[in-house]
C-alpha cells in the first residue's frame, strides 16, 4: 500500500539493498524528497516507521489511510 501511494505521487524506486527500497521524488516541491521503505512482504510496518515515511515524503497523512 505504501509503495502504491508513493508511485501515485511521482516517487520512483531508485535503489534496493536487501529488504530496503529507496524511493525519490522531485515532483512534489522544488526540492527532491527521498524515503527508505522496508519491504517485508506479509508484515505490517511499525507505527514509527510509517510516521517516518509520511514525514519524509512530504505527503499528507490522509493519503496513506
PDB file of N, CA and C in Angstrom:
ATOM      1  N   UNK A   1       0.816  -1.185   0.000  1.00  0.00           N
ATOM      2  CA  UNK A   1       0.000   0.000   0.000  1.00  0.00           C
ATOM      3  C   UNK A   1       0.868   1.260   0.000  1.00  0.00           C
ATOM      4  N   UNK A   2       1.912   1.294   0.824  1.00  0.00           N
ATOM      5  CA  UNK A   2       2.782   2.466   0.904  1.00  0.00           C
ATOM      6  C   UNK A   2       3.425   2.738  -0.449  1.00  0.00           C
ATOM      7  N   UNK A   3       3.897   1.698  -1.098  1.00  0.00           N
ATOM      8  CA  UNK A   3       4.558   1.843  -2.392  1.00  0.00           C
ATOM      9  C   UNK A   3       3.588   2.400  -3.432  1.00  0.00           C
ATOM     10  N   UNK A   4       2.358   1.942  -3.434  1.00  0.00           N
ATOM     11  CA  UNK A   4       1.370   2.435  -4.398  1.00  0.00           C
ATOM     12  C   UNK A   4       1.096   3.916  -4.195  1.00  0.00           C
ATOM     13  N   UNK A   5       1.029   4.365  -2.945  1.00  0.00           N
ATOM     14  CA  UNK A   5       0.809   5.785  -2.653  1.00  0.00           C
ATOM     15  C   UNK A   5       1.998   6.600  -3.156  1.00  0.00           C
ATOM     16  N   UNK A   6       3.202   6.131  -2.884  1.00  0.00           N
ATOM     17  CA  UNK A   6       4.391   6.848  -3.337  1.00  0.00           C
ATOM     18  C   UNK A   6       4.429   6.933  -4.863  1.00  0.00           C
ATOM     19  N   UNK A   7       4.148   5.829  -5.546  1.00  0.00           N
ATOM     20  CA  UNK A   7       4.147   5.824  -7.017  1.00  0.00           C
ATOM     21  C   UNK A   7       3.109   6.795  -7.567  1.00  0.00           C
ATOM     22  N   UNK A   8       1.951   6.837  -6.937  1.00  0.00           N
ATOM     23  CA  UNK A   8       0.867   7.718  -7.385  1.00  0.00           C
ATOM     24  C   UNK A   8       1.277   9.189  -7.294  1.00  0.00           C
ATOM     25  N   UNK A   9       2.185   9.502  -6.386  1.00  0.00           N
ATOM     26  CA  UNK A   9       2.620  10.882  -6.186  1.00  0.00           C
ATOM     27  C   UNK A   9       3.971  11.164  -6.837  1.00  0.00           C
ATOM     28  N   UNK A  10       4.389  10.330  -7.755  1.00  0.00           N
ATOM     29  CA  UNK A  10       5.577  10.611  -8.547  1.00  0.00           C
ATOM     30  C   UNK A  10       6.893  10.087  -7.998  1.00  0.00           C
ATOM     31  N   UNK A  11       6.872   9.306  -6.948  1.00  0.00           N
ATOM     32  CA  UNK A  11       8.102   8.712  -6.428  1.00  0.00           C
ATOM     33  C   UNK A  11       8.506   7.546  -7.325  1.00  0.00           C
ATOM     34  N   UNK A  12       9.805   7.400  -7.516  1.00  0.00           N
ATOM     35  CA  UNK A  12      10.320   6.287  -8.311  1.00  0.00           C
ATOM     36  C   UNK A  12      11.342   5.512  -7.479  1.00  0.00           C
ATOM     37  N   UNK A  13      11.374   4.215  -7.682  1.00  0.00           N
ATOM     38  CA  UNK A  13      12.332   3.348  -6.998  1.00  0.00           C
ATOM     39  C   UNK A  13      13.698   3.572  -7.630  1.00  0.00           C
ATOM     40  N   UNK A  14      14.662   3.994  -6.817  1.00  0.00           N
ATOM     41  CA  UNK A  14      15.985   4.260  -7.382  1.00  0.00           C
ATOM     42  C   UNK A  14      17.023   3.237  -6.950  1.00  0.00           C
ATOM     43  N   UNK A  15      16.761   2.519  -5.863  1.00  0.00           N
ATOM     44  CA  UNK A  15      17.720   1.509  -5.404  1.00  0.00           C
ATOM     45  C   UNK A  15      17.056   0.571  -4.412  1.00  0.00           C
ATOM     46  N   UNK A  16      17.619  -0.609  -4.310  1.00  0.00           N
ATOM     47  CA  UNK A  16      17.175  -1.562  -3.304  1.00  0.00           C
ATOM     48  C   UNK A  16      18.395  -2.307  -2.805  1.00  0.00           C
ATOM     49  N   UNK A  17      18.476  -2.404  -1.497  1.00  0.00           N
ATOM     50  CA  UNK A  17      19.568  -3.169  -0.888  1.00  0.00           C
ATOM     51  C   UNK A  17      18.949  -4.079   0.155  1.00  0.00           C
ATOM     52  N   UNK A  18      18.977  -5.348  -0.122  1.00  0.00           N
ATOM     53  CA  UNK A  18      18.318  -6.297   0.775  1.00  0.00           C
ATOM     54  C   UNK A  18      16.823  -6.068   0.769  1.00  0.00           C
ATOM     55  N   UNK A  19      16.264  -5.836   1.943  1.00  0.00           N
ATOM     56  CA  UNK A  19      14.819  -5.661   2.040  1.00  0.00           C
ATOM     57  C   UNK A  19      14.412  -4.195   2.145  1.00  0.00           C
ATOM     58  N   UNK A  20      15.330  -3.269   1.856  1.00  0.00           N
ATOM     59  CA  UNK A  20      15.011  -1.850   1.952  1.00  0.00           C
ATOM     60  C   UNK A  20      15.065  -1.208   0.565  1.00  0.00           C
ATOM     61  N   UNK A  21      14.009  -0.467   0.256  1.00  0.00           N
ATOM     62  CA  UNK A  21      13.903   0.209  -1.031  1.00  0.00           C
ATOM     63  C   UNK A  21      14.055   1.712  -0.836  1.00  0.00           C
ATOM     64  N   UNK A  22      14.778   2.353  -1.743  1.00  0.00           N
ATOM     65  CA  UNK A  22      14.982   3.797  -1.704  1.00  0.00           C
ATOM     66  C   UNK A  22      14.120   4.433  -2.796  1.00  0.00           C
ATOM     67  N   UNK A  23      13.198   5.301  -2.386  1.00  0.00           N
ATOM     68  CA  UNK A  23      12.275   5.971  -3.301  1.00  0.00           C
ATOM     69  C   UNK A  23      12.566   7.463  -3.307  1.00  0.00           C
ATOM     70  N   UNK A  24      12.522   8.089  -4.502  1.00  0.00           N
ATOM     71  CA  UNK A  24      12.820   9.519  -4.620  1.00  0.00           C
ATOM     72  C   UNK A  24      11.807  10.202  -5.528  1.00  0.00           C
ATOM     73  N   UNK A  25      11.514  11.461  -5.173  1.00  0.00           N
ATOM     74  CA  UNK A  25      10.632  12.283  -5.993  1.00  0.00           C
ATOM     75  C   UNK A  25      11.133  13.717  -5.984  1.00  0.00           C
ATOM     76  N   UNK A  26      11.135  14.321  -7.156  1.00  0.00           N
ATOM     77  CA  UNK A  26      11.470  15.740  -7.280  1.00  0.00           C
ATOM     78  C   UNK A  26      10.264  16.496  -7.826  1.00  0.00           C
ATOM     79  N   UNK A  27       9.105  15.862  -7.804  1.00  0.00           N
ATOM     80  CA  UNK A  27       7.896  16.427  -8.394  1.00  0.00           C
ATOM     81  C   UNK A  27       7.101  17.247  -7.387  1.00  0.00           C
ATOM     82  N   UNK A  28       7.051  16.806  -6.132  1.00  0.00           N
ATOM     83  CA  UNK A  28       6.177  17.409  -5.129  1.00  0.00           C
ATOM     84  C   UNK A  28       6.551  18.860  -4.847  1.00  0.00           C
ATOM     85  N   UNK A  29       7.803  19.153  -4.688  1.00  0.00           N
ATOM     86  CA  UNK A  29       8.253  20.511  -4.418  1.00  0.00           C
ATOM     87  C   UNK A  29       9.520  20.766  -5.229  1.00  0.00           C
ATOM     88  N   UNK A  30      10.086  21.930  -5.051  1.00  0.00           N
ATOM     89  CA  UNK A  30      11.297  22.254  -5.796  1.00  0.00           C
ATOM     90  C   UNK A  30      12.485  21.416  -5.339  1.00  0.00           C
ATOM     91  N   UNK A  31      12.408  20.892  -4.128  1.00  0.00           N
ATOM     92  CA  UNK A  31      13.487  20.042  -3.630  1.00  0.00           C
ATOM     93  C   UNK A  31      13.108  18.573  -3.776  1.00  0.00           C
ATOM     94  N   UNK A  32      14.102  17.743  -3.926  1.00  0.00           N
ATOM     95  CA  UNK A  32      13.847  16.306  -4.028  1.00  0.00           C
ATOM     96  C   UNK A  32      13.621  15.727  -2.636  1.00  0.00           C
ATOM     97  N   UNK A  33      12.749  14.751  -2.569  1.00  0.00           N
ATOM     98  CA  UNK A  33      12.479  14.042  -1.316  1.00  0.00           C
ATOM     99  C   UNK A  33      12.828  12.580  -1.518  1.00  0.00           C
ATOM    100  N   UNK A  34      13.366  11.978  -0.469  1.00  0.00           N
ATOM    101  CA  UNK A  34      13.765  10.576  -0.536  1.00  0.00           C
ATOM    102  C   UNK A  34      13.308   9.859   0.728  1.00  0.00           C
ATOM    103  N   UNK A  35      12.758   8.670   0.553  1.00  0.00           N
ATOM    104  CA  UNK A  35      12.346   7.862   1.697  1.00  0.00           C
ATOM    105  C   UNK A  35      12.853   6.435   1.515  1.00  0.00           C
ATOM    106  N   UNK A  36      13.140   5.802   2.636  1.00  0.00           N
ATOM    107  CA  UNK A  36      13.543   4.403   2.655  1.00  0.00           C
ATOM    108  C   UNK A  36      12.352   3.602   3.160  1.00  0.00           C
ATOM    109  N   UNK A  37      11.949   2.602   2.394  1.00  0.00           N
ATOM    110  CA  UNK A  37      10.799   1.781   2.762  1.00  0.00           C
ATOM    111  C   UNK A  37      11.265   0.344   2.963  1.00  0.00           C
ATOM    112  N   UNK A  38      11.117  -0.185   4.187  1.00  0.00           N
ATOM    113  CA  UNK A  38      11.436  -1.599   4.392  1.00  0.00           C
ATOM    114  C   UNK A  38      10.396  -2.455   3.683  1.00  0.00           C
ATOM    115  N   UNK A  39      10.844  -3.452   2.964  1.00  0.00           N
ATOM    116  CA  UNK A  39       9.936  -4.280   2.174  1.00  0.00           C
ATOM    117  C   UNK A  39       9.968  -5.699   2.717  1.00  0.00           C
ATOM    118  N   UNK A  40       9.066  -5.971   3.642  1.00  0.00           N
ATOM    119  CA  UNK A  40       8.936  -7.306   4.227  1.00  0.00           C
ATOM    120  C   UNK A  40       7.535  -7.793   3.883  1.00  0.00           C
ATOM    121  N   UNK A  41       7.427  -8.559   2.833  1.00  0.00           N
ATOM    122  CA  UNK A  41       6.130  -8.997   2.334  1.00  0.00           C
ATOM    123  C   UNK A  41       5.349  -9.746   3.411  1.00  0.00           C
ATOM    124  N   UNK A  42       4.093  -9.343   3.589  1.00  0.00           N
ATOM    125  CA  UNK A  42       3.223 -10.004   4.545  1.00  0.00           C
ATOM    126  C   UNK A  42       3.312  -9.454   5.958  1.00  0.00           C
ATOM    127  N   UNK A  43       4.157  -8.435   6.183  1.00  0.00           N
ATOM    128  CA  UNK A  43       4.297  -7.848   7.513  1.00  0.00           C
ATOM    129  C   UNK A  43       3.820  -6.396   7.489  1.00  0.00           C
ATOM    130  N   UNK A  44       3.186  -5.963   8.568  1.00  0.00           N
ATOM    131  CA  UNK A  44       2.789  -4.565   8.712  1.00  0.00           C
ATOM    132  C   UNK A  44       3.992  -3.738   9.148  1.00  0.00           C
ATOM    133  N   UNK A  45       4.000  -2.468   8.722  1.00  0.00           N
ATOM    134  CA  UNK A  45       5.072  -1.575   9.145  1.00  0.00           C
ATOM    135  C   UNK A  45       4.800  -1.080  10.562  1.00  0.00           C
ATOM    136  N   UNK A  46       5.827  -0.987  11.399  1.00  0.00           N
ATOM    137  CA  UNK A  46       5.637  -0.408  12.732  1.00  0.00           C
ATOM    138  C   UNK A  46       5.178   1.047  12.623  1.00  0.00           C
ATOM    139  N   UNK A  47       4.464   1.519  13.632  1.00  0.00           N
ATOM    140  CA  UNK A  47       3.904   2.873  13.618  1.00  0.00           C
ATOM    141  C   UNK A  47       4.982   3.933  13.415  1.00  0.00           C
ATOM    142  N   UNK A  48       6.096   3.820  14.116  1.00  0.00           N
ATOM    143  CA  UNK A  48       7.170   4.804  13.991  1.00  0.00           C
ATOM    144  C   UNK A  48       7.779   4.834  12.600  1.00  0.00           C
ATOM    145  N   UNK A  49       7.910   3.683  11.979  1.00  0.00           N
ATOM    146  CA  UNK A  49       8.444   3.597  10.616  1.00  0.00           C
ATOM    147  C   UNK A  49       7.484   4.256   9.636  1.00  0.00           C
ATOM    148  N   UNK A  50       6.198   3.990   9.802  1.00  0.00           N
ATOM    149  CA  UNK A  50       5.186   4.589   8.927  1.00  0.00           C
ATOM    150  C   UNK A  50       5.189   6.109   9.079  1.00  0.00           C
ATOM    151  N   UNK A  51       5.295   6.587  10.309  1.00  0.00           N
ATOM    152  CA  UNK A  51       5.323   8.029  10.566  1.00  0.00           C
ATOM    153  C   UNK A  51       6.541   8.664   9.895  1.00  0.00           C
ATOM    154  N   UNK A  52       7.674   7.985   9.936  1.00  0.00           N
ATOM    155  CA  UNK A  52       8.897   8.482   9.316  1.00  0.00           C
ATOM    156  C   UNK A  52       8.756   8.561   7.796  1.00  0.00           C
ATOM    157  N   UNK A  53       8.121   7.566   7.198  1.00  0.00           N
ATOM    158  CA  UNK A  53       7.898   7.559   5.749  1.00  0.00           C
ATOM    159  C   UNK A  53       6.984   8.714   5.355  1.00  0.00           C
ATOM    160  N   UNK A  54       5.925   8.936   6.127  1.00  0.00           N
ATOM    161  CA  UNK A  54       4.982  10.021   5.831  1.00  0.00           C
ATOM    162  C   UNK A  54       5.685  11.371   5.927  1.00  0.00           C
ATOM    163  N   UNK A  55       6.437  11.589   6.998  1.00  0.00           N
ATOM    164  CA  UNK A  55       7.147  12.858   7.169  1.00  0.00           C
ATOM    165  C   UNK A  55       8.193  13.064   6.079  1.00  0.00           C
ATOM    166  N   UNK A  56       8.926  12.028   5.749  1.00  0.00           N
ATOM    167  CA  UNK A  56       9.965  12.132   4.734  1.00  0.00           C
ATOM    168  C   UNK A  56       9.425  12.369   3.337  1.00  0.00           C
ATOM    169  N   UNK A  57       8.229  11.862   3.077  1.00  0.00           N
ATOM    170  CA  UNK A  57       7.648  12.009   1.741  1.00  0.00           C
ATOM    171  C   UNK A  57       7.062  13.394   1.515  1.00  0.00           C
ATOM    172  N   UNK A  58       6.692  14.078   2.601  1.00  0.00           N
ATOM    173  CA  UNK A  58       6.069  15.390   2.460  1.00  0.00           C
ATOM    174  C   UNK A  58       4.611  15.322   2.049  1.00  0.00           C
ATOM    175  N   UNK A  59       4.043  14.139   2.056  1.00  0.00           N
ATOM    176  CA  UNK A  59       2.645  13.951   1.675  1.00  0.00           C
ATOM    177  C   UNK A  59       1.759  14.042   2.913  1.00  0.00           C
ATOM    178  N   UNK A  60       0.487  14.421   2.736  1.00  0.00           N
ATOM    179  CA  UNK A  60      -0.417  14.454   3.887  1.00  0.00           C
ATOM    180  C   UNK A  60      -0.706  13.040   4.391  1.00  0.00           C
ATOM    181  N   UNK A  61      -0.814  12.880   5.711  1.00  0.00           N
ATOM    182  CA  UNK A  61      -1.083  11.552   6.285  1.00  0.00           C
ATOM    183  C   UNK A  61      -2.371  10.918   5.763  1.00  0.00           C
ATOM    184  N   UNK A  62      -3.326  11.734   5.350  1.00  0.00           N
ATOM    185  CA  UNK A  62      -4.598  11.189   4.853  1.00  0.00           C
ATOM    186  C   UNK A  62      -4.415  10.393   3.569  1.00  0.00           C
ATOM    187  N   UNK A  63      -3.348  10.659   2.820  1.00  0.00           N
ATOM    188  CA  UNK A  63      -3.099   9.903   1.585  1.00  0.00           C
ATOM    189  C   UNK A  63      -2.736   8.449   1.874  1.00  0.00           C
ATOM    190  N   UNK A  64      -2.297   8.170   3.089  1.00  0.00           N
ATOM    191  CA  UNK A  64      -1.854   6.827   3.446  1.00  0.00           C
ATOM    192  C   UNK A  64      -2.918   6.011   4.166  1.00  0.00           C
ATOM    193  N   UNK A  65      -4.101   6.616   4.398  1.00  0.00           N
ATOM    194  CA  UNK A  65      -5.132   5.856   5.124  1.00  0.00           C
ATOM    195  C   UNK A  65      -6.152   5.246   4.199  1.00  0.00           C
TER     196      UNK A  65
END
